[in-house]
Amino acid sequence: MVITRLGRLQVKMKGFEIFINGRKINAALKIGLVITVVDTIEKTGKLSISGIDNESFKSVKWFQSTLSLGDKIKFVNSDIEKISVPEKIEQIDRTKLLAEYLELKKALIEEELLK
């Protein structure tokens, strides 16, 4: 935490400065996860930068795009004061999440993959 000249409290968050072909994205959350996924299942790869905010139980998406050969991506582990504006924020439905978990657990028990 840092106290500014005006006496305001500023909280620095652990996160990443991500540079994608020159575009900068600050991805960080006070309490949560920052997730970067490179999907190479299809012929063209996709890059996704998202997170889960454990304080508000929301899903945050900063960036998603198809990758091209020669794209330049750089990650810098940083203390972030201000995040980039997310493309999308969604509330995670805890009831629905629990129901999905219980269905998967039941299926794994039936297949004797879980006791």
PDB file of N, CA and C in Angstrom:
ATOM      1  N   MET A   1       0.837  -1.185   0.000  1.00  0.00           N
ATOM      2  CA  MET A   1       0.000   0.000   0.000  1.00  0.00           C
ATOM      3  C   MET A   1       0.873   1.236   0.000  1.00  0.00           C
ATOM      4  N   VAL A   2       0.353   2.272  -0.650  1.00  0.00           N
ATOM      5  CA  VAL A   2       1.074   3.524  -0.761  1.00  0.00           C
ATOM      6  C   VAL A   2       0.110   4.658  -0.439  1.00  0.00           C
ATOM      7  N   ILE A   3       0.549   5.606   0.353  1.00  0.00           N
ATOM      8  CA  ILE A   3      -0.252   6.802   0.614  1.00  0.00           C
ATOM      9  C   ILE A   3       0.218   7.877  -0.369  1.00  0.00           C
ATOM     10  N   THR A   4      -0.710   8.431  -1.155  1.00  0.00           N
ATOM     11  CA  THR A   4      -0.351   9.447  -2.143  1.00  0.00           C
ATOM     12  C   THR A   4      -0.187  10.800  -1.478  1.00  0.00           C
ATOM     13  N   ARG A   5       0.258  11.799  -2.257  1.00  0.00           N
ATOM     14  CA  ARG A   5       0.443  13.154  -1.728  1.00  0.00           C
ATOM     15  C   ARG A   5      -0.853  13.712  -1.164  1.00  0.00           C
ATOM     16  N   LEU A   6      -1.987  13.297  -1.729  1.00  0.00           N
ATOM     17  CA  LEU A   6      -3.271  13.817  -1.272  1.00  0.00           C
ATOM     18  C   LEU A   6      -3.835  13.002  -0.114  1.00  0.00           C
ATOM     19  N   GLY A   7      -3.069  12.060   0.394  1.00  0.00           N
ATOM     20  CA  GLY A   7      -3.511  11.254   1.529  1.00  0.00           C
ATOM     21  C   GLY A   7      -4.413  10.100   1.157  1.00  0.00           C
ATOM     22  N   ARG A   8      -4.571   9.851  -0.133  1.00  0.00           N
ATOM     23  CA  ARG A   8      -5.411   8.732  -0.570  1.00  0.00           C
ATOM     24  C   ARG A   8      -4.620   7.438  -0.507  1.00  0.00           C
ATOM     25  N   LEU A   9      -5.327   6.383  -0.181  1.00  0.00           N
ATOM     26  CA  LEU A   9      -4.703   5.063  -0.118  1.00  0.00           C
ATOM     27  C   LEU A   9      -4.732   4.439  -1.504  1.00  0.00           C
ATOM     28  N   GLN A  10      -3.595   4.009  -1.974  1.00  0.00           N
ATOM     29  CA  GLN A  10      -3.491   3.320  -3.252  1.00  0.00           C
ATOM     30  C   GLN A  10      -2.968   1.921  -2.988  1.00  0.00           C
ATOM     31  N   VAL A  11      -3.667   0.922  -3.495  1.00  0.00           N
ATOM     32  CA  VAL A  11      -3.254  -0.456  -3.295  1.00  0.00           C
ATOM     33  C   VAL A  11      -2.610  -0.963  -4.577  1.00  0.00           C
ATOM     34  N   LYS A  12      -1.382  -1.444  -4.443  1.00  0.00           N
ATOM     35  CA  LYS A  12      -0.726  -2.068  -5.594  1.00  0.00           C
ATOM     36  C   LYS A  12      -1.065  -3.548  -5.580  1.00  0.00           C
ATOM     37  N   MET A  13      -1.337  -4.060  -6.767  1.00  0.00           N
ATOM     38  CA  MET A  13      -1.702  -5.461  -6.910  1.00  0.00           C
ATOM     39  C   MET A  13      -0.611  -6.174  -7.689  1.00  0.00           C
ATOM     40  N   LYS A  14      -0.345  -7.412  -7.323  1.00  0.00           N
ATOM     41  CA  LYS A  14       0.561  -8.236  -8.116  1.00  0.00           C
ATOM     42  C   LYS A  14      -0.162  -8.615  -9.402  1.00  0.00           C
ATOM     43  N   GLY A  15       0.525  -8.473 -10.502  1.00  0.00           N
ATOM     44  CA  GLY A  15      -0.092  -8.794 -11.775  1.00  0.00           C
ATOM     45  C   GLY A  15       0.920  -8.731 -12.891  1.00  0.00           C
ATOM     46  N   PHE A  16       0.424  -8.506 -14.101  1.00  0.00           N
ATOM     47  CA  PHE A  16       1.280  -8.508 -15.275  1.00  0.00           C
ATOM     48  C   PHE A  16       0.999  -7.302 -16.155  1.00  0.00           C
ATOM     49  N   GLU A  17       2.071  -6.725 -16.653  1.00  0.00           N
ATOM     50  CA  GLU A  17       1.985  -5.820 -17.785  1.00  0.00           C
ATOM     51  C   GLU A  17       2.198  -6.724 -18.990  1.00  0.00           C
ATOM     52  N   ILE A  18       1.224  -6.758 -19.890  1.00  0.00           N
ATOM     53  CA  ILE A  18       1.302  -7.643 -21.042  1.00  0.00           C
ATOM     54  C   ILE A  18       1.298  -6.776 -22.297  1.00  0.00           C
ATOM     55  N   PHE A  19       2.306  -6.977 -23.110  1.00  0.00           N
ATOM     56  CA  PHE A  19       2.430  -6.222 -24.350  1.00  0.00           C
ATOM     57  C   PHE A  19       2.165  -7.168 -25.508  1.00  0.00           C
ATOM     58  N   ILE A  20       1.155  -6.843 -26.314  1.00  0.00           N
ATOM     59  CA  ILE A  20       0.782  -7.672 -27.451  1.00  0.00           C
ATOM     60  C   ILE A  20       0.887  -6.805 -28.699  1.00  0.00           C
ATOM     61  N   ASN A  21       1.935  -7.041 -29.483  1.00  0.00           N
ATOM     62  CA  ASN A  21       2.169  -6.238 -30.694  1.00  0.00           C
ATOM     63  C   ASN A  21       2.103  -4.744 -30.392  1.00  0.00           C
ATOM     64  N   GLY A  22       2.667  -4.347 -29.257  1.00  0.00           N
ATOM     65  CA  GLY A  22       2.718  -2.938 -28.888  1.00  0.00           C
ATOM     66  C   GLY A  22       1.577  -2.466 -28.009  1.00  0.00           C
ATOM     67  N   ARG A  23       0.486  -3.194 -27.956  1.00  0.00           N
ATOM     68  CA  ARG A  23      -0.645  -2.824 -27.097  1.00  0.00           C
ATOM     69  C   ARG A  23      -0.342  -3.278 -25.670  1.00  0.00           C
ATOM     70  N   LYS A  24      -0.571  -2.408 -24.686  1.00  0.00           N
ATOM     71  CA  LYS A  24      -0.287  -2.744 -23.285  1.00  0.00           C
ATOM     72  C   LYS A  24      -1.580  -3.031 -22.532  1.00  0.00           C
ATOM     73  N   ILE A  25      -1.562  -4.146 -21.787  1.00  0.00           N
ATOM     74  CA  ILE A  25      -2.687  -4.517 -20.935  1.00  0.00           C
ATOM     75  C   ILE A  25      -2.147  -4.728 -19.529  1.00  0.00           C
ATOM     76  N   ASN A  26      -2.727  -4.043 -18.549  1.00  0.00           N
ATOM     77  CA  ASN A  26      -2.399  -4.256 -17.138  1.00  0.00           C
ATOM     78  C   ASN A  26      -3.452  -5.193 -16.560  1.00  0.00           C
ATOM     79  N   ALA A  27      -3.051  -6.409 -16.246  1.00  0.00           N
ATOM     80  CA  ALA A  27      -3.974  -7.418 -15.729  1.00  0.00           C
ATOM     81  C   ALA A  27      -3.578  -7.767 -14.303  1.00  0.00           C
ATOM     82  N   ALA A  28      -4.447  -7.432 -13.340  1.00  0.00           N
ATOM     83  CA  ALA A  28      -4.174  -7.722 -11.933  1.00  0.00           C
ATOM     84  C   ALA A  28      -5.480  -7.668 -11.155  1.00  0.00           C
ATOM     85  N   LEU A  29      -5.516  -8.385 -10.046  1.00  0.00           N
ATOM     86  CA  LEU A  29      -6.652  -8.348  -9.132  1.00  0.00           C
ATOM     87  C   LEU A  29      -6.117  -8.321  -7.704  1.00  0.00           C
ATOM     88  N   LYS A  30      -6.830  -7.630  -6.805  1.00  0.00           N
ATOM     89  CA  LYS A  30      -6.379  -7.546  -5.403  1.00  0.00           C
ATOM     90  C   LYS A  30      -6.315  -8.935  -4.791  1.00  0.00           C
ATOM     91  N   ILE A  31      -7.411  -9.682  -4.932  1.00  0.00           N
ATOM     92  CA  ILE A  31      -7.465 -11.057  -4.426  1.00  0.00           C
ATOM     93  C   ILE A  31      -8.110 -11.904  -5.511  1.00  0.00           C
ATOM     94  N   GLY A  32      -7.316 -12.751  -6.146  1.00  0.00           N
ATOM     95  CA  GLY A  32      -7.884 -13.567  -7.199  1.00  0.00           C
ATOM     96  C   GLY A  32      -6.824 -14.173  -8.088  1.00  0.00           C
ATOM     97  N   LEU A  33      -7.242 -14.505  -9.285  1.00  0.00           N
ATOM     98  CA  LEU A  33      -6.373 -15.160 -10.252  1.00  0.00           C
ATOM     99  C   LEU A  33      -6.324 -14.363 -11.533  1.00  0.00           C
ATOM    100  N   VAL A  34      -5.139 -14.256 -12.129  1.00  0.00           N
ATOM    101  CA  VAL A  34      -4.992 -13.750 -13.488  1.00  0.00           C
ATOM    102  C   VAL A  34      -4.587 -14.957 -14.324  1.00  0.00           C
ATOM    103  N   ILE A  35      -5.355 -15.215 -15.373  1.00  0.00           N
ATOM    104  CA  ILE A  35      -5.183 -16.437 -16.155  1.00  0.00           C
ATOM    105  C   ILE A  35      -4.869 -16.078 -17.606  1.00  0.00           C
ATOM    106  N   THR A  36      -3.794 -16.656 -18.122  1.00  0.00           N
ATOM    107  CA  THR A  36      -3.440 -16.480 -19.524  1.00  0.00           C
ATOM    108  C   THR A  36      -3.461 -17.854 -20.180  1.00  0.00           C
ATOM    109  N   VAL A  37      -4.212 -17.960 -21.264  1.00  0.00           N
ATOM    110  CA  VAL A  37      -4.344 -19.239 -21.958  1.00  0.00           C
ATOM    111  C   VAL A  37      -3.994 -19.040 -23.431  1.00  0.00           C
ATOM    112  N   VAL A  38      -3.152 -19.924 -23.939  1.00  0.00           N
ATOM    113  CA  VAL A  38      -2.887 -19.981 -25.377  1.00  0.00           C
ATOM    114  C   VAL A  38      -3.496 -21.288 -25.864  1.00  0.00           C
ATOM    115  N   ASP A  39      -4.534 -21.179 -26.668  1.00  0.00           N
ATOM    116  CA  ASP A  39      -5.270 -22.330 -27.189  1.00  0.00           C
ATOM    117  C   ASP A  39      -4.701 -22.671 -28.560  1.00  0.00           C
ATOM    118  N   THR A  40      -4.141 -23.855 -28.682  1.00  0.00           N
ATOM    119  CA  THR A  40      -3.559 -24.280 -29.964  1.00  0.00           C
ATOM    120  C   THR A  40      -4.312 -25.474 -30.551  1.00  0.00           C
ATOM    121  N   ILE A  41      -5.559 -25.652 -30.148  1.00  0.00           N
ATOM    122  CA  ILE A  41      -6.345 -26.782 -30.637  1.00  0.00           C
ATOM    123  C   ILE A  41      -6.645 -26.615 -32.123  1.00  0.00           C
ATOM    124  N   GLU A  42      -7.006 -25.406 -32.525  1.00  0.00           N
ATOM    125  CA  GLU A  42      -7.276 -25.146 -33.943  1.00  0.00           C
ATOM    126  C   GLU A  42      -5.973 -24.761 -34.630  1.00  0.00           C
ATOM    127  N   LYS A  43      -6.016 -24.648 -35.957  1.00  0.00           N
ATOM    128  CA  LYS A  43      -4.808 -24.275 -36.699  1.00  0.00           C
ATOM    129  C   LYS A  43      -4.294 -22.907 -36.281  1.00  0.00           C
ATOM    130  N   THR A  44      -5.211 -21.998 -35.986  1.00  0.00           N
ATOM    131  CA  THR A  44      -4.815 -20.675 -35.513  1.00  0.00           C
ATOM    132  C   THR A  44      -4.925 -20.650 -33.998  1.00  0.00           C
ATOM    133  N   GLY A  45      -3.874 -20.239 -33.309  1.00  0.00           N
ATOM    134  CA  GLY A  45      -3.906 -20.163 -31.864  1.00  0.00           C
ATOM    135  C   GLY A  45      -4.711 -18.969 -31.391  1.00  0.00           C
ATOM    136  N   LYS A  46      -5.212 -19.060 -30.183  1.00  0.00           N
ATOM    137  CA  LYS A  46      -5.948 -17.956 -29.584  1.00  0.00           C
ATOM    138  C   LYS A  46      -5.320 -17.630 -28.234  1.00  0.00           C
ATOM    139  N   LEU A  47      -5.206 -16.342 -27.955  1.00  0.00           N
ATOM    140  CA  LEU A  47      -4.691 -15.872 -26.674  1.00  0.00           C
ATOM    141  C   LEU A  47      -5.837 -15.263 -25.893  1.00  0.00           C
ATOM    142  N   SER A  48      -5.963 -15.676 -24.633  1.00  0.00           N
ATOM    143  CA  SER A  48      -7.003 -15.150 -23.764  1.00  0.00           C
ATOM    144  C   SER A  48      -6.366 -14.714 -22.443  1.00  0.00           C
ATOM    145  N   ILE A  49      -6.693 -13.508 -21.999  1.00  0.00           N
ATOM    146  CA  ILE A  49      -6.222 -12.991 -20.713  1.00  0.00           C
ATOM    147  C   ILE A  49      -7.461 -12.675 -19.885  1.00  0.00           C
ATOM    148  N   SER A  50      -7.620 -13.401 -18.792  1.00  0.00           N
ATOM    149  CA  SER A  50      -8.820 -13.255 -17.979  1.00  0.00           C
ATOM    150  C   SER A  50      -8.466 -13.431 -16.512  1.00  0.00           C
ATOM    151  N   GLY A  51      -9.475 -13.435 -15.668  1.00  0.00           N
ATOM    152  CA  GLY A  51      -9.220 -13.626 -14.255  1.00  0.00           C
ATOM    153  C   GLY A  51     -10.491 -13.900 -13.489  1.00  0.00           C
ATOM    154  N   ILE A  52     -10.303 -14.261 -12.231  1.00  0.00           N
ATOM    155  CA  ILE A  52     -11.419 -14.456 -11.313  1.00  0.00           C
ATOM    156  C   ILE A  52     -11.152 -13.602 -10.084  1.00  0.00           C
ATOM    157  N   ASP A  53     -12.070 -12.672  -9.821  1.00  0.00           N
ATOM    158  CA  ASP A  53     -11.960 -11.784  -8.664  1.00  0.00           C
ATOM    159  C   ASP A  53     -12.614 -12.478  -7.475  1.00  0.00           C
ATOM    160  N   ASN A  54     -11.810 -12.904  -6.513  1.00  0.00           N
ATOM    161  CA  ASN A  54     -12.335 -13.635  -5.362  1.00  0.00           C
ATOM    162  C   ASN A  54     -13.073 -12.742  -4.370  1.00  0.00           C
ATOM    163  N   GLU A  55     -12.860 -11.425  -4.442  1.00  0.00           N
ATOM    164  CA  GLU A  55     -13.592 -10.512  -3.553  1.00  0.00           C
ATOM    165  C   GLU A  55     -15.053 -10.396  -3.967  1.00  0.00           C
ATOM    166  N   SER A  56     -15.289 -10.234  -5.262  1.00  0.00           N
ATOM    167  CA  SER A  56     -16.656 -10.021  -5.757  1.00  0.00           C
ATOM    168  C   SER A  56     -17.235 -11.259  -6.442  1.00  0.00           C
ATOM    169  N   PHE A  57     -16.421 -12.307  -6.584  1.00  0.00           N
ATOM    170  CA  PHE A  57     -16.793 -13.544  -7.267  1.00  0.00           C
ATOM    171  C   PHE A  57     -17.282 -13.239  -8.685  1.00  0.00           C
ATOM    172  N   LYS A  58     -16.436 -12.488  -9.413  1.00  0.00           N
ATOM    173  CA  LYS A  58     -16.738 -12.134 -10.798  1.00  0.00           C
ATOM    174  C   LYS A  58     -15.643 -12.647 -11.716  1.00  0.00           C
ATOM    175  N   SER A  59     -16.062 -12.948 -12.940  1.00  0.00           N
ATOM    176  CA  SER A  59     -15.135 -13.340 -14.000  1.00  0.00           C
ATOM    177  C   SER A  59     -14.785 -12.072 -14.784  1.00  0.00           C
ATOM    178  N   VAL A  60     -13.492 -11.874 -15.045  1.00  0.00           N
ATOM    179  CA  VAL A  60     -13.018 -10.677 -15.727  1.00  0.00           C
ATOM    180  C   VAL A  60     -12.275 -11.103 -16.993  1.00  0.00           C
ATOM    181  N   LYS A  61     -12.613 -10.481 -18.139  1.00  0.00           N
ATOM    182  CA  LYS A  61     -11.893 -10.782 -19.379  1.00  0.00           C
ATOM    183  C   LYS A  61     -11.306  -9.486 -19.924  1.00  0.00           C
ATOM    184  N   TRP A  62      -9.957  -9.451 -20.047  1.00  0.00           N
ATOM    185  CA  TRP A  62      -9.278  -8.286 -20.581  1.00  0.00           C
ATOM    186  C   TRP A  62      -9.049  -8.377 -22.088  1.00  0.00           C
ATOM    187  N   PHE A  63      -8.788  -9.585 -22.585  1.00  0.00           N
ATOM    188  CA  PHE A  63      -8.347  -9.704 -23.974  1.00  0.00           C
ATOM    189  C   PHE A  63      -8.588 -11.111 -24.485  1.00  0.00           C
ATOM    190  N   GLN A  64      -9.022 -11.200 -25.751  1.00  0.00           N
ATOM    191  CA  GLN A  64      -9.076 -12.489 -26.441  1.00  0.00           C
ATOM    192  C   GLN A  64      -8.914 -12.207 -27.924  1.00  0.00           C
ATOM    193  N   SER A  65      -7.993 -12.919 -28.558  1.00  0.00           N
ATOM    194  CA  SER A  65      -7.736 -12.686 -29.975  1.00  0.00           C
ATOM    195  C   SER A  65      -7.040 -13.905 -30.585  1.00  0.00           C
ATOM    196  N   THR A  66      -7.214 -14.047 -31.882  1.00  0.00           N
ATOM    197  CA  THR A  66      -6.497 -15.069 -32.640  1.00  0.00           C
ATOM    198  C   THR A  66      -5.058 -14.609 -32.825  1.00  0.00           C
ATOM    199  N   LEU A  67      -4.122 -15.524 -32.670  1.00  0.00           N
ATOM    200  CA  LEU A  67      -2.712 -15.211 -32.850  1.00  0.00           C
ATOM    201  C   LEU A  67      -2.287 -15.454 -34.288  1.00  0.00           C
ATOM    202  N   SER A  68      -1.335 -14.659 -34.731  1.00  0.00           N
ATOM    203  CA  SER A  68      -0.737 -14.832 -36.053  1.00  0.00           C
ATOM    204  C   SER A  68       0.737 -15.117 -35.881  1.00  0.00           C
ATOM    205  N   LEU A  69       1.320 -15.834 -36.846  1.00  0.00           N
ATOM    206  CA  LEU A  69       2.760 -16.073 -36.791  1.00  0.00           C
ATOM    207  C   LEU A  69       3.487 -14.732 -36.729  1.00  0.00           C
ATOM    208  N   GLY A  70       4.472 -14.634 -35.861  1.00  0.00           N
ATOM    209  CA  GLY A  70       5.247 -13.411 -35.733  1.00  0.00           C
ATOM    210  C   GLY A  70       4.709 -12.433 -34.705  1.00  0.00           C
ATOM    211  N   ASP A  71       3.519 -12.709 -34.118  1.00  0.00           N
ATOM    212  CA  ASP A  71       3.012 -11.828 -33.060  1.00  0.00           C
ATOM    213  C   ASP A  71       4.028 -11.767 -31.930  1.00  0.00           C
ATOM    214  N   LYS A  72       4.204 -10.603 -31.372  1.00  0.00           N
ATOM    215  CA  LYS A  72       5.152 -10.415 -30.277  1.00  0.00           C
ATOM    216  C   LYS A  72       4.362 -10.193 -28.990  1.00  0.00           C
ATOM    217  N   ILE A  73       4.635 -11.058 -28.002  1.00  0.00           N
ATOM    218  CA  ILE A  73       3.947 -10.997 -26.715  1.00  0.00           C
ATOM    219  C   ILE A  73       4.997 -10.989 -25.624  1.00  0.00           C
ATOM    220  N   LYS A  74       4.871 -10.029 -24.705  1.00  0.00           N
ATOM    221  CA  LYS A  74       5.830  -9.901 -23.608  1.00  0.00           C
ATOM    222  C   LYS A  74       5.059  -9.775 -22.299  1.00  0.00           C
ATOM    223  N   PHE A  75       5.488 -10.562 -21.292  1.00  0.00           N
ATOM    224  CA  PHE A  75       4.882 -10.520 -19.960  1.00  0.00           C
ATOM    225  C   PHE A  75       5.897  -9.948 -18.975  1.00  0.00           C
ATOM    226  N   VAL A  76       5.469  -8.981 -18.171  1.00  0.00           N
ATOM    227  CA  VAL A  76       6.328  -8.412 -17.137  1.00  0.00           C
ATOM    228  C   VAL A  76       5.591  -8.526 -15.809  1.00  0.00           C
ATOM    229  N   ASN A  77       6.161  -9.275 -14.862  1.00  0.00           N
ATOM    230  CA  ASN A  77       5.598  -9.390 -13.523  1.00  0.00           C
ATOM    231  C   ASN A  77       5.746  -8.040 -12.831  1.00  0.00           C
ATOM    232  N   SER A  78       4.631  -7.445 -12.382  1.00  0.00           N
ATOM    233  CA  SER A  78       4.677  -6.069 -11.907  1.00  0.00           C
ATOM    234  C   SER A  78       3.740  -5.836 -10.733  1.00  0.00           C
ATOM    235  N   ASP A  79       3.995  -4.739 -10.022  1.00  0.00           N
ATOM    236  CA  ASP A  79       3.029  -4.183  -9.077  1.00  0.00           C
ATOM    237  C   ASP A  79       2.161  -3.231  -9.891  1.00  0.00           C
ATOM    238  N   ILE A  80       0.873  -3.504  -9.954  1.00  0.00           N
ATOM    239  CA  ILE A  80      -0.050  -2.738 -10.786  1.00  0.00           C
ATOM    240  C   ILE A  80      -0.905  -1.857  -9.885  1.00  0.00           C
ATOM    241  N   GLU A  81      -0.976  -0.571 -10.217  1.00  0.00           N
ATOM    242  CA  GLU A  81      -1.834   0.352  -9.472  1.00  0.00           C
ATOM    243  C   GLU A  81      -3.212   0.472 -10.117  1.00  0.00           C
ATOM    244  N   LYS A  82      -3.263   0.431 -11.450  1.00  0.00           N
ATOM    245  CA  LYS A  82      -4.523   0.587 -12.164  1.00  0.00           C
ATOM    246  C   LYS A  82      -4.584  -0.434 -13.289  1.00  0.00           C
ATOM    247  N   ILE A  83      -5.646  -1.251 -13.296  1.00  0.00           N
ATOM    248  CA  ILE A  83      -5.791  -2.263 -14.333  1.00  0.00           C
ATOM    249  C   ILE A  83      -6.365  -1.648 -15.602  1.00  0.00           C
ATOM    250  N   SER A  84      -6.154  -2.341 -16.710  1.00  0.00           N
ATOM    251  CA  SER A  84      -6.797  -1.949 -17.962  1.00  0.00           C
ATOM    252  C   SER A  84      -8.291  -2.227 -17.851  1.00  0.00           C
ATOM    253  N   VAL A  85      -9.070  -1.460 -18.576  1.00  0.00           N
ATOM    254  CA  VAL A  85     -10.522  -1.649 -18.555  1.00  0.00           C
ATOM    255  C   VAL A  85     -10.841  -3.004 -19.175  1.00  0.00           C
ATOM    256  N   PRO A  86     -11.520  -3.879 -18.439  1.00  0.00           N
ATOM    257  CA  PRO A  86     -11.857  -5.201 -18.986  1.00  0.00           C
ATOM    258  C   PRO A  86     -12.851  -5.103 -20.139  1.00  0.00           C
ATOM    259  N   GLU A  87     -12.747  -6.055 -21.081  1.00  0.00           N
ATOM    260  CA  GLU A  87     -13.716  -6.142 -22.174  1.00  0.00           C
ATOM    261  C   GLU A  87     -15.060  -6.644 -21.646  1.00  0.00           C
ATOM    262  N   LYS A  88     -14.986  -7.489 -20.601  1.00  0.00           N
ATOM    263  CA  LYS A  88     -16.210  -8.109 -20.091  1.00  0.00           C
ATOM    264  C   LYS A  88     -16.032  -8.464 -18.614  1.00  0.00           C
ATOM    265  N   ILE A  89     -17.090  -8.236 -17.819  1.00  0.00           N
ATOM    266  CA  ILE A  89     -17.127  -8.655 -16.417  1.00  0.00           C
ATOM    267  C   ILE A  89     -18.468  -9.343 -16.199  1.00  0.00           C
ATOM    268  N   GLU A  90     -18.410 -10.547 -15.630  1.00  0.00           N
ATOM    269  CA  GLU A  90     -19.647 -11.299 -15.375  1.00  0.00           C
ATOM    270  C   GLU A  90     -19.665 -11.814 -13.945  1.00  0.00           C
ATOM    271  N   GLN A  91     -20.814 -11.730 -13.324  1.00  0.00           N
ATOM    272  CA  GLN A  91     -21.004 -12.308 -11.998  1.00  0.00           C
ATOM    273  C   GLN A  91     -21.042 -13.825 -12.139  1.00  0.00           C
ATOM    274  N   ILE A  92     -20.320 -14.522 -11.287  1.00  0.00           N
ATOM    275  CA  ILE A  92     -20.322 -15.985 -11.307  1.00  0.00           C
ATOM    276  C   ILE A  92     -21.469 -16.458 -10.425  1.00  0.00           C
ATOM    277  N   ASP A  93     -22.326 -17.307 -10.984  1.00  0.00           N
ATOM    278  CA  ASP A  93     -23.480 -17.838 -10.259  1.00  0.00           C
ATOM    279  C   ASP A  93     -23.026 -19.026  -9.419  1.00  0.00           C
ATOM    280  N   ARG A  94     -22.925 -18.822  -8.112  1.00  0.00           N
ATOM    281  CA  ARG A  94     -22.424 -19.871  -7.213  1.00  0.00           C
ATOM    282  C   ARG A  94     -23.329 -21.100  -7.188  1.00  0.00           C
ATOM    283  N   THR A  95     -24.637 -20.887  -7.261  1.00  0.00           N
ATOM    284  CA  THR A  95     -25.578 -22.008  -7.242  1.00  0.00           C
ATOM    285  C   THR A  95     -25.392 -22.879  -8.475  1.00  0.00           C
ATOM    286  N   LYS A  96     -25.262 -22.239  -9.634  1.00  0.00           N
ATOM    287  CA  LYS A  96     -25.047 -22.971 -10.887  1.00  0.00           C
ATOM    288  C   LYS A  96     -23.699 -23.688 -10.868  1.00  0.00           C
ATOM    289  N   LEU A  97     -22.671 -23.032 -10.358  1.00  0.00           N
ATOM    290  CA  LEU A  97     -21.341 -23.628 -10.272  1.00  0.00           C
ATOM    291  C   LEU A  97     -21.350 -24.873  -9.380  1.00  0.00           C
ATOM    292  N   LEU A  98     -22.040 -24.790  -8.240  1.00  0.00           N
ATOM    293  CA  LEU A  98     -22.145 -25.943  -7.337  1.00  0.00           C
ATOM    294  C   LEU A  98     -22.900 -27.090  -8.009  1.00  0.00           C
ATOM    295  N   ALA A  99     -23.975 -26.785  -8.720  1.00  0.00           N
ATOM    296  CA  ALA A  99     -24.746 -27.825  -9.409  1.00  0.00           C
ATOM    297  C   ALA A  99     -23.887 -28.529 -10.463  1.00  0.00           C
ATOM    298  N   GLU A 100     -23.087 -27.760 -11.232  1.00  0.00           N
ATOM    299  CA  GLU A 100     -22.196 -28.350 -12.235  1.00  0.00           C
ATOM    300  C   GLU A 100     -21.151 -29.241 -11.568  1.00  0.00           C
ATOM    301  N   TYR A 101     -20.604 -28.774 -10.453  1.00  0.00           N
ATOM    302  CA  TYR A 101     -19.615 -29.556  -9.709  1.00  0.00           C
ATOM    303  C   TYR A 101     -20.217 -30.883  -9.244  1.00  0.00           C
ATOM    304  N   LEU A 102     -21.407 -30.844  -8.671  1.00  0.00           N
ATOM    305  CA  LEU A 102     -22.038 -32.065  -8.156  1.00  0.00           C
ATOM    306  C   LEU A 102     -22.355 -33.042  -9.287  1.00  0.00           C
ATOM    307  N   GLU A 103     -22.764 -32.528 -10.458  1.00  0.00           N
ATOM    308  CA  GLU A 103     -23.009 -33.403 -11.614  1.00  0.00           C
ATOM    309  C   GLU A 103     -21.722 -34.085 -12.063  1.00  0.00           C
ATOM    310  N   LEU A 104     -20.645 -33.330 -12.153  1.00  0.00           N
ATOM    311  CA  LEU A 104     -19.358 -33.904 -12.562  1.00  0.00           C
ATOM    312  C   LEU A 104     -18.858 -34.917 -11.534  1.00  0.00           C
ATOM    313  N   LYS A 105     -19.012 -34.596 -10.271  1.00  0.00           N
ATOM    314  CA  LYS A 105     -18.584 -35.513  -9.203  1.00  0.00           C
ATOM    315  C   LYS A 105     -19.357 -36.831  -9.304  1.00  0.00           C
ATOM    316  N   LYS A 106     -20.659 -36.739  -9.507  1.00  0.00           N
ATOM    317  CA  LYS A 106     -21.499 -37.940  -9.636  1.00  0.00           C
ATOM    318  C   LYS A 106     -21.044 -38.789 -10.823  1.00  0.00           C
ATOM    319  N   ALA A 107     -20.775 -38.152 -11.962  1.00  0.00           N
ATOM    320  CA  ALA A 107     -20.329 -38.878 -13.160  1.00  0.00           C
ATOM    321  C   ALA A 107     -18.993 -39.562 -12.917  1.00  0.00           C
ATOM    322  N   LEU A 108     -18.078 -38.906 -12.235  1.00  0.00           N
ATOM    323  CA  LEU A 108     -16.764 -39.499 -11.951  1.00  0.00           C
ATOM    324  C   LEU A 108     -16.882 -40.662 -10.974  1.00  0.00           C
ATOM    325  N   ILE A 109     -17.769 -40.567 -10.017  1.00  0.00           N
ATOM    326  CA  ILE A 109     -17.991 -41.675  -9.074  1.00  0.00           C
ATOM    327  C   ILE A 109     -18.588 -42.874  -9.819  1.00  0.00           C
ATOM    328  N   GLU A 110     -19.575 -42.618 -10.700  1.00  0.00           N
ATOM    329  CA  GLU A 110     -20.196 -43.698 -11.472  1.00  0.00           C
ATOM    330  C   GLU A 110     -19.181 -44.404 -12.386  1.00  0.00           C
ATOM    331  N   GLU A 111     -18.219 -43.648 -12.906  1.00  0.00           N
ATOM    332  CA  GLU A 111     -17.186 -44.235 -13.766  1.00  0.00           C
ATOM    333  C   GLU A 111     -16.020 -44.788 -12.950  1.00  0.00           C
ATOM    334  N   GLU A 112     -16.167 -44.785 -11.638  1.00  0.00           N
ATOM    335  CA  GLU A 112     -15.174 -45.279 -10.686  1.00  0.00           C
ATOM    336  C   GLU A 112     -13.810 -44.579 -10.845  1.00  0.00           C
ATOM    337  N   LEU A 113     -13.850 -43.309 -11.244  1.00  0.00           N
ATOM    338  CA  LEU A 113     -12.650 -42.491 -11.336  1.00  0.00           C
ATOM    339  C   LEU A 113     -12.466 -41.659 -10.067  1.00  0.00           C
ATOM    340  N   LEU A 114     -13.485 -41.681  -9.209  1.00  0.00           N
ATOM    341  CA  LEU A 114     -13.459 -40.945  -7.952  1.00  0.00           C
ATOM    342  C   LEU A 114     -14.233 -41.754  -6.923  1.00  0.00           C
ATOM    343  N   LYS A 115     -13.728 -41.755  -5.708  1.00  0.00           N
ATOM    344  CA  LYS A 115     -14.413 -42.512  -4.648  1.00  0.00           C
ATOM    345  C   LYS A 115     -15.252 -41.599  -3.798  1.00  0.00           C
TER     346      LYS A 115
END
